[in-house]
């Protein structure tokens, strides 16, 4: 069986993070391979692994590296397939690796997850494959529900430890996770339905969203756009997520504490690409809020204000099951001038 996912480690010392990815892929039953190759010390080996793997059926790459962490970027430079980057905490709490992984120039995007979040890297890779694989989508949905039940069990454990005389427990009836995250396969395969939903958290984010939509327009991708805040317009936000639940993926664009991406992943099991906007603190607040998601709900984060790379990641994801998009993507990348 040829692997669908290729995991490349910058160093054998990163294996503890890779194990988190491996455990998820084993649960989901997705074939994978693992290699060790350094972007700096074995550059040609990285290139050979990427080119041969892409030619032999690998659909998604996961690059795991610490320190200056150029590995995911070198992978992205040598393939049109989606690249998921997992920065590793070696020094500086992993911030150095995070910045090196996520802040890629236009043309070679890396869908970055949180520091040491190997499990989220694998879940994101599975979500990407799941765009065109209903079997994978079904297994991901089951895993999502297991995360839900785990949180409920954690609450029960804590409740048993609360013995204060003024503690009063109120019972809530909470239905199992169902309905809002289910895939409607008839809508999902409707050629007239948007492939992508682009959500901006504020009108001040539109200039970044326009970088995304201009490229989607150029390739001919059907998309929907909205400016809506889950904080200021929670009911409208929920209604919008319900109305767009049959898109293939979401792109969420937000600054400050960047709650938009977190709200989107709470309502969907499909890939969510996040673009942090530089409003305050040069966008570092938005970046950290967006990328460091808890296990089970990854956000494929791009660099600050990098709306074009968000569109390119979306195109890479969609091209796995659409030859026309693949052709347009390769042509666009081939015509890029640095």
C-alpha atoms as a PDB file:
ATOM      1  CA  UNK A   1       0.000   0.000   0.000  1.00  0.00           C
ATOM      2  CA  UNK A   2       1.420   3.356  -1.036  1.00  0.00           C
ATOM      3  CA  UNK A   3       1.317   5.960   1.784  1.00  0.00           C
ATOM      4  CA  UNK A   4      -1.103   8.855   1.525  1.00  0.00           C
ATOM      5  CA  UNK A   5       0.736  10.967   4.092  1.00  0.00           C
ATOM      6  CA  UNK A   6       4.485  11.481   4.315  1.00  0.00           C
ATOM      7  CA  UNK A   7       5.863  12.607   7.675  1.00  0.00           C
ATOM      8  CA  UNK A   8       9.341  14.129   7.478  1.00  0.00           C
ATOM      9  CA  UNK A   9      11.305  14.896  10.644  1.00  0.00           C
ATOM     10  CA  UNK A  10      14.146  17.380  10.713  1.00  0.00           C
ATOM     11  CA  UNK A  11      15.822  15.317  13.422  1.00  0.00           C
ATOM     12  CA  UNK A  12      15.294  12.009  15.218  1.00  0.00           C
ATOM     13  CA  UNK A  13      14.850  14.077  18.399  1.00  0.00           C
ATOM     14  CA  UNK A  14      11.500  15.259  16.967  1.00  0.00           C
ATOM     15  CA  UNK A  15      10.065  11.730  17.055  1.00  0.00           C
ATOM     16  CA  UNK A  16       8.101  12.310  20.260  1.00  0.00           C
ATOM     17  CA  UNK A  17       6.053  14.917  18.361  1.00  0.00           C
ATOM     18  CA  UNK A  18       5.766  12.640  15.322  1.00  0.00           C
ATOM     19  CA  UNK A  19       4.386   9.867  17.548  1.00  0.00           C
ATOM     20  CA  UNK A  20       1.345  12.040  18.217  1.00  0.00           C
ATOM     21  CA  UNK A  21       0.733  12.188  14.458  1.00  0.00           C
ATOM     22  CA  UNK A  22       1.334   8.478  14.020  1.00  0.00           C
ATOM     23  CA  UNK A  23      -1.153   7.566  16.753  1.00  0.00           C
ATOM     24  CA  UNK A  24      -3.892   9.593  15.041  1.00  0.00           C
ATOM     25  CA  UNK A  25      -3.189   8.114  11.601  1.00  0.00           C
ATOM     26  CA  UNK A  26      -3.266   4.603  13.048  1.00  0.00           C
ATOM     27  CA  UNK A  27      -6.675   5.279  14.592  1.00  0.00           C
ATOM     28  CA  UNK A  28      -7.986   6.718  11.332  1.00  0.00           C
ATOM     29  CA  UNK A  29      -6.485   3.925   9.241  1.00  0.00           C
ATOM     30  CA  UNK A  30      -4.611   6.251   6.878  1.00  0.00           C
ATOM     31  CA  UNK A  31      -1.399   4.900   5.360  1.00  0.00           C
ATOM     32  CA  UNK A  32       1.742   6.908   6.093  1.00  0.00           C
ATOM     33  CA  UNK A  33       5.523   6.840   5.927  1.00  0.00           C
ATOM     34  CA  UNK A  34       8.105   8.492   8.193  1.00  0.00           C
ATOM     35  CA  UNK A  35      11.508   9.799   7.105  1.00  0.00           C
ATOM     36  CA  UNK A  36      14.266  11.853   8.758  1.00  0.00           C
ATOM     37  CA  UNK A  37      15.890  14.525   6.608  1.00  0.00           C
ATOM     38  CA  UNK A  38      17.377  17.915   7.439  1.00  0.00           C
ATOM     39  CA  UNK A  39      16.555  20.965   5.344  1.00  0.00           C
ATOM     40  CA  UNK A  40      20.086  22.271   5.934  1.00  0.00           C
ATOM     41  CA  UNK A  41      22.270  19.197   6.280  1.00  0.00           C
ATOM     42  CA  UNK A  42      20.583  16.878   3.748  1.00  0.00           C
ATOM     43  CA  UNK A  43      18.850  19.286   1.389  1.00  0.00           C
ATOM     44  CA  UNK A  44      18.989  16.958  -1.638  1.00  0.00           C
ATOM     45  CA  UNK A  45      17.517  14.096   0.398  1.00  0.00           C
ATOM     46  CA  UNK A  46      14.513  16.253   1.328  1.00  0.00           C
ATOM     47  CA  UNK A  47      13.996  17.191  -2.305  1.00  0.00           C
ATOM     48  CA  UNK A  48      14.226  13.561  -3.455  1.00  0.00           C
ATOM     49  CA  UNK A  49      11.788  12.336  -0.805  1.00  0.00           C
ATOM     50  CA  UNK A  50       9.262  15.028  -1.696  1.00  0.00           C
ATOM     51  CA  UNK A  51       9.429  14.648  -5.454  1.00  0.00           C
ATOM     52  CA  UNK A  52       9.316  10.849  -5.457  1.00  0.00           C
ATOM     53  CA  UNK A  53       6.591  10.691  -2.790  1.00  0.00           C
ATOM     54  CA  UNK A  54       4.362  13.151  -4.645  1.00  0.00           C
ATOM     55  CA  UNK A  55       4.799  11.143  -7.851  1.00  0.00           C
ATOM     56  CA  UNK A  56       3.929   7.887  -6.060  1.00  0.00           C
ATOM     57  CA  UNK A  57       0.649   8.929  -4.467  1.00  0.00           C
ATOM     58  CA  UNK A  58       1.416  10.888  -1.316  1.00  0.00           C
ATOM     59  CA  UNK A  59      -1.344  13.478  -0.954  1.00  0.00           C
ATOM     60  CA  UNK A  60      -0.235  15.475   2.094  1.00  0.00           C
ATOM     61  CA  UNK A  61       3.161  16.132   3.674  1.00  0.00           C
ATOM     62  CA  UNK A  62       3.705  16.776   7.378  1.00  0.00           C
ATOM     63  CA  UNK A  63       6.969  18.548   8.172  1.00  0.00           C
ATOM     64  CA  UNK A  64       8.068  18.443  11.822  1.00  0.00           C
ATOM     65  CA  UNK A  65      11.046  20.549  12.892  1.00  0.00           C
ATOM     66  CA  UNK A  66      12.415  22.803  15.632  1.00  0.00           C
ATOM     67  CA  UNK A  67      14.865  25.698  15.924  1.00  0.00           C
ATOM     68  CA  UNK A  68      14.995  27.603  12.612  1.00  0.00           C
ATOM     69  CA  UNK A  69      12.572  24.970  11.244  1.00  0.00           C
ATOM     70  CA  UNK A  70      13.036  25.520   7.527  1.00  0.00           C
ATOM     71  CA  UNK A  71      12.040  21.921   6.721  1.00  0.00           C
ATOM     72  CA  UNK A  72       8.298  22.489   6.057  1.00  0.00           C
ATOM     73  CA  UNK A  73       9.179  25.438   3.813  1.00  0.00           C
ATOM     74  CA  UNK A  74      11.682  23.397   1.812  1.00  0.00           C
ATOM     75  CA  UNK A  75       9.033  20.701   1.387  1.00  0.00           C
ATOM     76  CA  UNK A  76       6.558  23.323   0.161  1.00  0.00           C
ATOM     77  CA  UNK A  77       9.128  24.663  -2.292  1.00  0.00           C
ATOM     78  CA  UNK A  78       9.304  21.271  -3.996  1.00  0.00           C
ATOM     79  CA  UNK A  79       5.648  20.247  -4.301  1.00  0.00           C
ATOM     80  CA  UNK A  80       2.189  21.507  -5.196  1.00  0.00           C
ATOM     81  CA  UNK A  81       0.681  19.141  -2.603  1.00  0.00           C
ATOM     82  CA  UNK A  82      -0.503  20.536   0.766  1.00  0.00           C
ATOM     83  CA  UNK A  83       2.195  20.811   3.433  1.00  0.00           C
ATOM     84  CA  UNK A  84       1.299  20.789   7.129  1.00  0.00           C
ATOM     85  CA  UNK A  85       3.956  22.261   9.403  1.00  0.00           C
ATOM     86  CA  UNK A  86       4.437  21.257  13.047  1.00  0.00           C
ATOM     87  CA  UNK A  87       6.931  23.497  14.889  1.00  0.00           C
ATOM     88  CA  UNK A  88       8.804  21.819  17.727  1.00  0.00           C
ATOM     89  CA  UNK A  89       9.768  23.343  21.058  1.00  0.00           C
ATOM     90  CA  UNK A  90      13.557  23.034  21.291  1.00  0.00           C
ATOM     91  CA  UNK A  91      14.550  26.576  22.307  1.00  0.00           C
ATOM     92  CA  UNK A  92      12.547  29.749  23.090  1.00  0.00           C
ATOM     93  CA  UNK A  93       9.448  27.660  23.786  1.00  0.00           C
ATOM     94  CA  UNK A  94       9.216  26.824  20.090  1.00  0.00           C
ATOM     95  CA  UNK A  95       8.413  30.401  19.043  1.00  0.00           C
ATOM     96  CA  UNK A  96      11.483  30.454  16.767  1.00  0.00           C
ATOM     97  CA  UNK A  97      10.282  27.295  15.009  1.00  0.00           C
ATOM     98  CA  UNK A  98       6.716  28.623  14.781  1.00  0.00           C
ATOM     99  CA  UNK A  99       7.775  31.834  13.068  1.00  0.00           C
ATOM    100  CA  UNK A 100      10.106  29.985  10.683  1.00  0.00           C
ATOM    101  CA  UNK A 101       7.311  27.583   9.742  1.00  0.00           C
ATOM    102  CA  UNK A 102       4.344  29.912   9.390  1.00  0.00           C
ATOM    103  CA  UNK A 103       5.852  33.101   7.930  1.00  0.00           C
ATOM    104  CA  UNK A 104       6.331  31.751   4.403  1.00  0.00           C
ATOM    105  CA  UNK A 105       6.540  33.969   1.307  1.00  0.00           C
ATOM    106  CA  UNK A 106       3.690  33.938  -1.206  1.00  0.00           C
ATOM    107  CA  UNK A 107       3.884  30.869  -3.401  1.00  0.00           C
ATOM    108  CA  UNK A 108       5.141  28.309  -0.899  1.00  0.00           C
ATOM    109  CA  UNK A 109       2.545  28.216   1.888  1.00  0.00           C
ATOM    110  CA  UNK A 110       2.732  25.945   4.919  1.00  0.00           C
ATOM    111  CA  UNK A 111      -0.473  25.115   6.806  1.00  0.00           C
ATOM    112  CA  UNK A 112       0.938  25.503  10.308  1.00  0.00           C
ATOM    113  CA  UNK A 113      -0.474  24.043  13.525  1.00  0.00           C
ATOM    114  CA  UNK A 114       0.512  24.735  17.114  1.00  0.00           C
ATOM    115  CA  UNK A 115       3.879  24.075  18.725  1.00  0.00           C
ATOM    116  CA  UNK A 116       4.401  20.327  19.388  1.00  0.00           C
ATOM    117  CA  UNK A 117       0.852  19.632  18.169  1.00  0.00           C
ATOM    118  CA  UNK A 118       1.639  16.510  16.162  1.00  0.00           C
ATOM    119  CA  UNK A 119      -1.876  15.194  16.687  1.00  0.00           C
ATOM    120  CA  UNK A 120      -3.397  18.311  15.172  1.00  0.00           C
ATOM    121  CA  UNK A 121      -1.008  18.052  12.246  1.00  0.00           C
ATOM    122  CA  UNK A 122      -2.315  14.556  11.526  1.00  0.00           C
ATOM    123  CA  UNK A 123      -5.962  15.554  12.019  1.00  0.00           C
ATOM    124  CA  UNK A 124      -5.514  18.459   9.612  1.00  0.00           C
ATOM    125  CA  UNK A 125      -3.852  16.168   7.055  1.00  0.00           C
ATOM    126  CA  UNK A 126      -6.780  13.755   7.417  1.00  0.00           C
ATOM    127  CA  UNK A 127      -9.284  16.588   6.990  1.00  0.00           C
ATOM    128  CA  UNK A 128      -7.552  17.534   3.748  1.00  0.00           C
ATOM    129  CA  UNK A 129      -7.756  13.966   2.438  1.00  0.00           C
ATOM    130  CA  UNK A 130     -11.331  13.810   3.703  1.00  0.00           C
ATOM    131  CA  UNK A 131     -12.417  16.558   1.310  1.00  0.00           C
ATOM    132  CA  UNK A 132     -12.699  13.832  -1.340  1.00  0.00           C
ATOM    133  CA  UNK A 133     -12.758  10.675   0.823  1.00  0.00           C
ATOM    134  CA  UNK A 134     -16.031   9.973   2.621  1.00  0.00           C
ATOM    135  CA  UNK A 135     -14.497   7.029   4.516  1.00  0.00           C
ATOM    136  CA  UNK A 136     -11.919   9.322   6.134  1.00  0.00           C
ATOM    137  CA  UNK A 137     -14.586  11.948   6.862  1.00  0.00           C
ATOM    138  CA  UNK A 138     -16.677   9.366   8.679  1.00  0.00           C
ATOM    139  CA  UNK A 139     -13.758   8.293  10.871  1.00  0.00           C
ATOM    140  CA  UNK A 140     -12.876  11.916  11.632  1.00  0.00           C
ATOM    141  CA  UNK A 141     -16.447  12.571  12.698  1.00  0.00           C
ATOM    142  CA  UNK A 142     -16.304   9.624  15.086  1.00  0.00           C
ATOM    143  CA  UNK A 143     -13.024  10.913  16.528  1.00  0.00           C
ATOM    144  CA  UNK A 144     -14.539  14.375  17.034  1.00  0.00           C
ATOM    145  CA  UNK A 145     -17.351  12.844  19.074  1.00  0.00           C
ATOM    146  CA  UNK A 146     -14.833  10.959  21.213  1.00  0.00           C
ATOM    147  CA  UNK A 147     -13.146  14.277  22.052  1.00  0.00           C
ATOM    148  CA  UNK A 148     -16.589  15.566  23.101  1.00  0.00           C
ATOM    149  CA  UNK A 149     -17.178  12.626  25.423  1.00  0.00           C
ATOM    150  CA  UNK A 150     -13.698  12.981  26.929  1.00  0.00           C
ATOM    151  CA  UNK A 151     -14.457  16.576  27.934  1.00  0.00           C
ATOM    152  CA  UNK A 152     -17.694  15.423  29.540  1.00  0.00           C
ATOM    153  CA  UNK A 153     -15.833  12.751  31.528  1.00  0.00           C
ATOM    154  CA  UNK A 154     -13.246  15.323  32.634  1.00  0.00           C
ATOM    155  CA  UNK A 155     -16.072  17.472  33.984  1.00  0.00           C
ATOM    156  CA  UNK A 156     -17.484  14.540  35.938  1.00  0.00           C
ATOM    157  CA  UNK A 157     -14.075  13.860  37.520  1.00  0.00           C
ATOM    158  CA  UNK A 158     -13.763  17.501  38.608  1.00  0.00           C
ATOM    159  CA  UNK A 159     -17.333  17.536  39.979  1.00  0.00           C
ATOM    160  CA  UNK A 160     -16.475  14.678  42.350  1.00  0.00           C
ATOM    161  CA  UNK A 161     -13.648  16.766  43.809  1.00  0.00           C
ATOM    162  CA  UNK A 162     -15.877  19.761  44.582  1.00  0.00           C
ATOM    163  CA  UNK A 163     -17.001  19.320  48.182  1.00  0.00           C
ATOM    164  CA  UNK A 164     -17.499  22.899  49.351  1.00  0.00           C
ATOM    165  CA  UNK A 165     -20.703  23.513  51.275  1.00  0.00           C
ATOM    166  CA  UNK A 166     -21.760  26.289  48.877  1.00  0.00           C
ATOM    167  CA  UNK A 167     -21.181  24.208  45.744  1.00  0.00           C
ATOM    168  CA  UNK A 168     -24.475  23.677  43.935  1.00  0.00           C
ATOM    169  CA  UNK A 169     -24.430  21.570  40.776  1.00  0.00           C
ATOM    170  CA  UNK A 170     -26.991  22.335  38.106  1.00  0.00           C
ATOM    171  CA  UNK A 171     -27.879  19.589  35.625  1.00  0.00           C
ATOM    172  CA  UNK A 172     -27.844  20.406  31.928  1.00  0.00           C
ATOM    173  CA  UNK A 173     -29.275  18.198  29.224  1.00  0.00           C
ATOM    174  CA  UNK A 174     -26.657  18.174  26.472  1.00  0.00           C
ATOM    175  CA  UNK A 175     -27.328  16.195  23.324  1.00  0.00           C
ATOM    176  CA  UNK A 176     -24.556  14.188  21.740  1.00  0.00           C
ATOM    177  CA  UNK A 177     -22.591  15.903  19.014  1.00  0.00           C
ATOM    178  CA  UNK A 178     -24.828  15.502  16.000  1.00  0.00           C
ATOM    179  CA  UNK A 179     -26.491  17.437  13.243  1.00  0.00           C
ATOM    180  CA  UNK A 180     -24.418  20.596  12.902  1.00  0.00           C
ATOM    181  CA  UNK A 181     -21.222  18.801  11.899  1.00  0.00           C
ATOM    182  CA  UNK A 182     -22.724  16.104   9.707  1.00  0.00           C
ATOM    183  CA  UNK A 183     -21.881  16.057   5.997  1.00  0.00           C
ATOM    184  CA  UNK A 184     -24.723  16.400   3.530  1.00  0.00           C
ATOM    185  CA  UNK A 185     -23.199  14.447   0.679  1.00  0.00           C
ATOM    186  CA  UNK A 186     -25.780  15.593  -1.865  1.00  0.00           C
ATOM    187  CA  UNK A 187     -24.902  19.252  -1.248  1.00  0.00           C
ATOM    188  CA  UNK A 188     -21.222  18.436  -0.868  1.00  0.00           C
ATOM    189  CA  UNK A 189     -21.021  17.191  -4.450  1.00  0.00           C
ATOM    190  CA  UNK A 190     -23.238  19.893  -5.933  1.00  0.00           C
ATOM    191  CA  UNK A 191     -21.096  21.720  -8.559  1.00  0.00           C
ATOM    192  CA  UNK A 192     -23.152  24.882  -8.019  1.00  0.00           C
ATOM    193  CA  UNK A 193     -22.415  24.999  -4.303  1.00  0.00           C
ATOM    194  CA  UNK A 194     -19.444  27.131  -3.166  1.00  0.00           C
ATOM    195  CA  UNK A 195     -16.224  25.210  -2.615  1.00  0.00           C
ATOM    196  CA  UNK A 196     -14.942  27.720  -0.062  1.00  0.00           C
ATOM    197  CA  UNK A 197     -16.419  30.070   2.533  1.00  0.00           C
ATOM    198  CA  UNK A 198     -14.244  33.113   3.306  1.00  0.00           C
ATOM    199  CA  UNK A 199     -15.129  34.680   6.663  1.00  0.00           C
ATOM    200  CA  UNK A 200     -13.735  37.988   7.907  1.00  0.00           C
ATOM    201  CA  UNK A 201     -14.186  38.881  11.554  1.00  0.00           C
ATOM    202  CA  UNK A 202     -14.345  42.615  10.884  1.00  0.00           C
ATOM    203  CA  UNK A 203     -14.600  45.089   8.001  1.00  0.00           C
ATOM    204  CA  UNK A 204     -11.051  46.137   8.856  1.00  0.00           C
ATOM    205  CA  UNK A 205      -9.924  42.643   7.746  1.00  0.00           C
ATOM    206  CA  UNK A 206     -11.349  42.982   4.233  1.00  0.00           C
ATOM    207  CA  UNK A 207      -8.082  44.186   2.685  1.00  0.00           C
ATOM    208  CA  UNK A 208      -6.549  40.828   3.660  1.00  0.00           C
ATOM    209  CA  UNK A 209      -9.639  38.903   2.521  1.00  0.00           C
ATOM    210  CA  UNK A 210      -9.355  40.569  -0.884  1.00  0.00           C
ATOM    211  CA  UNK A 211      -5.900  39.022  -1.333  1.00  0.00           C
ATOM    212  CA  UNK A 212      -7.600  35.659  -0.866  1.00  0.00           C
ATOM    213  CA  UNK A 213     -10.613  36.222  -3.094  1.00  0.00           C
ATOM    214  CA  UNK A 214      -8.597  37.759  -5.936  1.00  0.00           C
ATOM    215  CA  UNK A 215      -6.622  34.543  -6.282  1.00  0.00           C
ATOM    216  CA  UNK A 216      -9.713  32.352  -5.947  1.00  0.00           C
ATOM    217  CA  UNK A 217     -11.322  34.430  -8.702  1.00  0.00           C
ATOM    218  CA  UNK A 218      -8.253  34.029 -10.898  1.00  0.00           C
ATOM    219  CA  UNK A 219      -8.437  30.240 -10.667  1.00  0.00           C
ATOM    220  CA  UNK A 220     -12.224  30.190 -11.032  1.00  0.00           C
ATOM    221  CA  UNK A 221     -13.112  28.816  -7.591  1.00  0.00           C
ATOM    222  CA  UNK A 222     -16.711  29.243  -6.452  1.00  0.00           C
ATOM    223  CA  UNK A 223     -16.731  30.817  -2.994  1.00  0.00           C
ATOM    224  CA  UNK A 224     -18.931  32.695  -0.549  1.00  0.00           C
ATOM    225  CA  UNK A 225     -17.831  35.620   1.603  1.00  0.00           C
ATOM    226  CA  UNK A 226     -19.116  37.124   4.818  1.00  0.00           C
ATOM    227  CA  UNK A 227     -18.069  39.674   7.417  1.00  0.00           C
ATOM    228  CA  UNK A 228     -19.360  38.359  10.701  1.00  0.00           C
ATOM    229  CA  UNK A 229     -18.102  38.173  14.265  1.00  0.00           C
ATOM    230  CA  UNK A 230     -18.831  35.214  16.551  1.00  0.00           C
ATOM    231  CA  UNK A 231     -18.325  37.553  19.507  1.00  0.00           C
ATOM    232  CA  UNK A 232     -20.531  40.486  18.484  1.00  0.00           C
ATOM    233  CA  UNK A 233     -23.012  38.526  16.330  1.00  0.00           C
ATOM    234  CA  UNK A 234     -23.110  34.996  17.779  1.00  0.00           C
ATOM    235  CA  UNK A 235     -26.558  34.043  16.505  1.00  0.00           C
ATOM    236  CA  UNK A 236     -25.844  35.353  13.015  1.00  0.00           C
ATOM    237  CA  UNK A 237     -22.540  33.508  13.047  1.00  0.00           C
ATOM    238  CA  UNK A 238     -24.223  30.217  13.944  1.00  0.00           C
ATOM    239  CA  UNK A 239     -26.785  30.769  11.188  1.00  0.00           C
ATOM    240  CA  UNK A 240     -24.032  31.410   8.658  1.00  0.00           C
ATOM    241  CA  UNK A 241     -22.158  28.250   9.637  1.00  0.00           C
ATOM    242  CA  UNK A 242     -25.356  26.254   9.247  1.00  0.00           C
ATOM    243  CA  UNK A 243     -26.017  27.809   5.830  1.00  0.00           C
ATOM    244  CA  UNK A 244     -22.493  27.012   4.583  1.00  0.00           C
ATOM    245  CA  UNK A 245     -22.012  23.570   6.123  1.00  0.00           C
ATOM    246  CA  UNK A 246     -21.683  21.923   2.713  1.00  0.00           C
ATOM    247  CA  UNK A 247     -18.645  23.897   1.542  1.00  0.00           C
ATOM    248  CA  UNK A 248     -15.447  21.892   1.209  1.00  0.00           C
ATOM    249  CA  UNK A 249     -13.360  24.170   3.435  1.00  0.00           C
ATOM    250  CA  UNK A 250     -13.293  27.492   5.280  1.00  0.00           C
ATOM    251  CA  UNK A 251     -10.871  30.412   5.261  1.00  0.00           C
ATOM    252  CA  UNK A 252     -11.182  32.591   8.367  1.00  0.00           C
ATOM    253  CA  UNK A 253      -9.467  35.974   8.588  1.00  0.00           C
ATOM    254  CA  UNK A 254      -9.132  37.835  11.871  1.00  0.00           C
ATOM    255  CA  UNK A 255      -6.940  40.073  14.003  1.00  0.00           C
ATOM    256  CA  UNK A 256      -6.522  40.696  17.726  1.00  0.00           C
ATOM    257  CA  UNK A 257      -7.484  37.595  19.742  1.00  0.00           C
ATOM    258  CA  UNK A 258      -8.638  35.918  16.496  1.00  0.00           C
ATOM    259  CA  UNK A 259     -11.719  34.177  17.867  1.00  0.00           C
ATOM    260  CA  UNK A 260     -13.165  33.707  14.387  1.00  0.00           C
ATOM    261  CA  UNK A 261     -11.074  30.663  13.531  1.00  0.00           C
ATOM    262  CA  UNK A 262     -11.748  29.057  16.889  1.00  0.00           C
ATOM    263  CA  UNK A 263     -15.468  29.592  16.426  1.00  0.00           C
ATOM    264  CA  UNK A 264     -15.391  28.122  12.913  1.00  0.00           C
ATOM    265  CA  UNK A 265     -13.617  24.918  13.978  1.00  0.00           C
ATOM    266  CA  UNK A 266     -16.162  24.540  16.777  1.00  0.00           C
ATOM    267  CA  UNK A 267     -18.901  24.258  14.136  1.00  0.00           C
ATOM    268  CA  UNK A 268     -17.245  22.140  11.452  1.00  0.00           C
ATOM    269  CA  UNK A 269     -15.094  19.075  10.916  1.00  0.00           C
ATOM    270  CA  UNK A 270     -13.787  20.354   7.582  1.00  0.00           C
ATOM    271  CA  UNK A 271     -10.417  22.031   7.033  1.00  0.00           C
ATOM    272  CA  UNK A 272     -10.182  25.573   8.375  1.00  0.00           C
ATOM    273  CA  UNK A 273      -7.440  27.852   7.056  1.00  0.00           C
ATOM    274  CA  UNK A 274      -6.666  30.809   9.290  1.00  0.00           C
ATOM    275  CA  UNK A 275      -5.111  34.159   8.390  1.00  0.00           C
ATOM    276  CA  UNK A 276      -4.014  36.336  11.338  1.00  0.00           C
ATOM    277  CA  UNK A 277      -4.215  40.085  10.696  1.00  0.00           C
ATOM    278  CA  UNK A 278      -1.691  42.604  11.945  1.00  0.00           C
ATOM    279  CA  UNK A 279      -3.820  45.075  13.903  1.00  0.00           C
ATOM    280  CA  UNK A 280      -1.947  45.274  17.203  1.00  0.00           C
ATOM    281  CA  UNK A 281       1.405  43.859  18.316  1.00  0.00           C
ATOM    282  CA  UNK A 282       2.219  43.433  14.593  1.00  0.00           C
ATOM    283  CA  UNK A 283      -0.281  40.594  14.464  1.00  0.00           C
ATOM    284  CA  UNK A 284       1.623  38.334  16.864  1.00  0.00           C
ATOM    285  CA  UNK A 285      -1.376  38.235  19.224  1.00  0.00           C
ATOM    286  CA  UNK A 286      -3.637  37.050  16.400  1.00  0.00           C
ATOM    287  CA  UNK A 287      -1.080  34.515  15.181  1.00  0.00           C
ATOM    288  CA  UNK A 288      -0.567  32.899  18.588  1.00  0.00           C
ATOM    289  CA  UNK A 289      -4.292  32.866  19.344  1.00  0.00           C
ATOM    290  CA  UNK A 290      -5.046  31.273  15.981  1.00  0.00           C
ATOM    291  CA  UNK A 291      -2.351  28.619  15.691  1.00  0.00           C
ATOM    292  CA  UNK A 292      -2.127  27.188  19.229  1.00  0.00           C
ATOM    293  CA  UNK A 293      -5.411  25.287  19.189  1.00  0.00           C
ATOM    294  CA  UNK A 294      -6.126  22.400  21.588  1.00  0.00           C
ATOM    295  CA  UNK A 295      -6.013  18.781  20.390  1.00  0.00           C
ATOM    296  CA  UNK A 296      -8.745  17.828  17.937  1.00  0.00           C
ATOM    297  CA  UNK A 297      -9.472  21.213  16.399  1.00  0.00           C
ATOM    298  CA  UNK A 298      -6.549  22.333  14.199  1.00  0.00           C
ATOM    299  CA  UNK A 299      -6.383  25.588  12.281  1.00  0.00           C
ATOM    300  CA  UNK A 300      -4.194  25.585   9.165  1.00  0.00           C
ATOM    301  CA  UNK A 301      -2.546  28.897   9.971  1.00  0.00           C
ATOM    302  CA  UNK A 302      -0.728  31.062   7.424  1.00  0.00           C
ATOM    303  CA  UNK A 303       1.575  34.013   7.986  1.00  0.00           C
ATOM    304  CA  UNK A 304       0.332  37.375   9.213  1.00  0.00           C
ATOM    305  CA  UNK A 305      -1.782  39.167   6.554  1.00  0.00           C
ATOM    306  CA  UNK A 306      -0.989  36.346   4.100  1.00  0.00           C
ATOM    307  CA  UNK A 307      -4.352  36.132   2.367  1.00  0.00           C
ATOM    308  CA  UNK A 308      -2.780  34.970  -0.899  1.00  0.00           C
ATOM    309  CA  UNK A 309      -1.096  32.002   0.765  1.00  0.00           C
ATOM    310  CA  UNK A 310      -4.425  31.068   2.361  1.00  0.00           C
ATOM    311  CA  UNK A 311      -5.927  30.887  -1.117  1.00  0.00           C
ATOM    312  CA  UNK A 312      -2.973  28.807  -2.337  1.00  0.00           C
ATOM    313  CA  UNK A 313      -3.388  26.345   0.547  1.00  0.00           C
ATOM    314  CA  UNK A 314      -7.076  26.061  -0.343  1.00  0.00           C
ATOM    315  CA  UNK A 315      -6.179  25.411  -3.977  1.00  0.00           C
ATOM    316  CA  UNK A 316      -3.639  22.760  -2.986  1.00  0.00           C
ATOM    317  CA  UNK A 317      -6.309  21.033  -0.910  1.00  0.00           C
ATOM    318  CA  UNK A 318      -8.944  21.198  -3.645  1.00  0.00           C
ATOM    319  CA  UNK A 319      -6.518  20.135  -6.370  1.00  0.00           C
ATOM    320  CA  UNK A 320      -6.183  16.669  -4.791  1.00  0.00           C
ATOM    321  CA  UNK A 321      -9.551  15.739  -6.281  1.00  0.00           C
ATOM    322  CA  UNK A 322      -9.904  18.133  -9.192  1.00  0.00           C
ATOM    323  CA  UNK A 323      -7.574  17.934 -12.190  1.00  0.00           C
ATOM    324  CA  UNK A 324      -8.675  21.325 -13.545  1.00  0.00           C
ATOM    325  CA  UNK A 325      -7.791  23.084 -10.299  1.00  0.00           C
ATOM    326  CA  UNK A 326      -4.476  21.221 -10.226  1.00  0.00           C
ATOM    327  CA  UNK A 327      -3.698  22.400 -13.761  1.00  0.00           C
ATOM    328  CA  UNK A 328      -4.537  26.028 -12.920  1.00  0.00           C
ATOM    329  CA  UNK A 329      -2.542  25.848  -9.680  1.00  0.00           C
ATOM    330  CA  UNK A 330       0.566  24.508 -11.398  1.00  0.00           C
ATOM    331  CA  UNK A 331       0.280  27.133 -14.111  1.00  0.00           C
ATOM    332  CA  UNK A 332      -0.103  29.920 -11.561  1.00  0.00           C
ATOM    333  CA  UNK A 333       2.891  28.750  -9.521  1.00  0.00           C
ATOM    334  CA  UNK A 334       4.931  28.339 -12.668  1.00  0.00           C
ATOM    335  CA  UNK A 335       4.281  31.934 -13.664  1.00  0.00           C
ATOM    336  CA  UNK A 336       5.158  33.427 -10.296  1.00  0.00           C
ATOM    337  CA  UNK A 337       8.088  35.836 -10.326  1.00  0.00           C
ATOM    338  CA  UNK A 338       9.927  36.455  -7.053  1.00  0.00           C
END
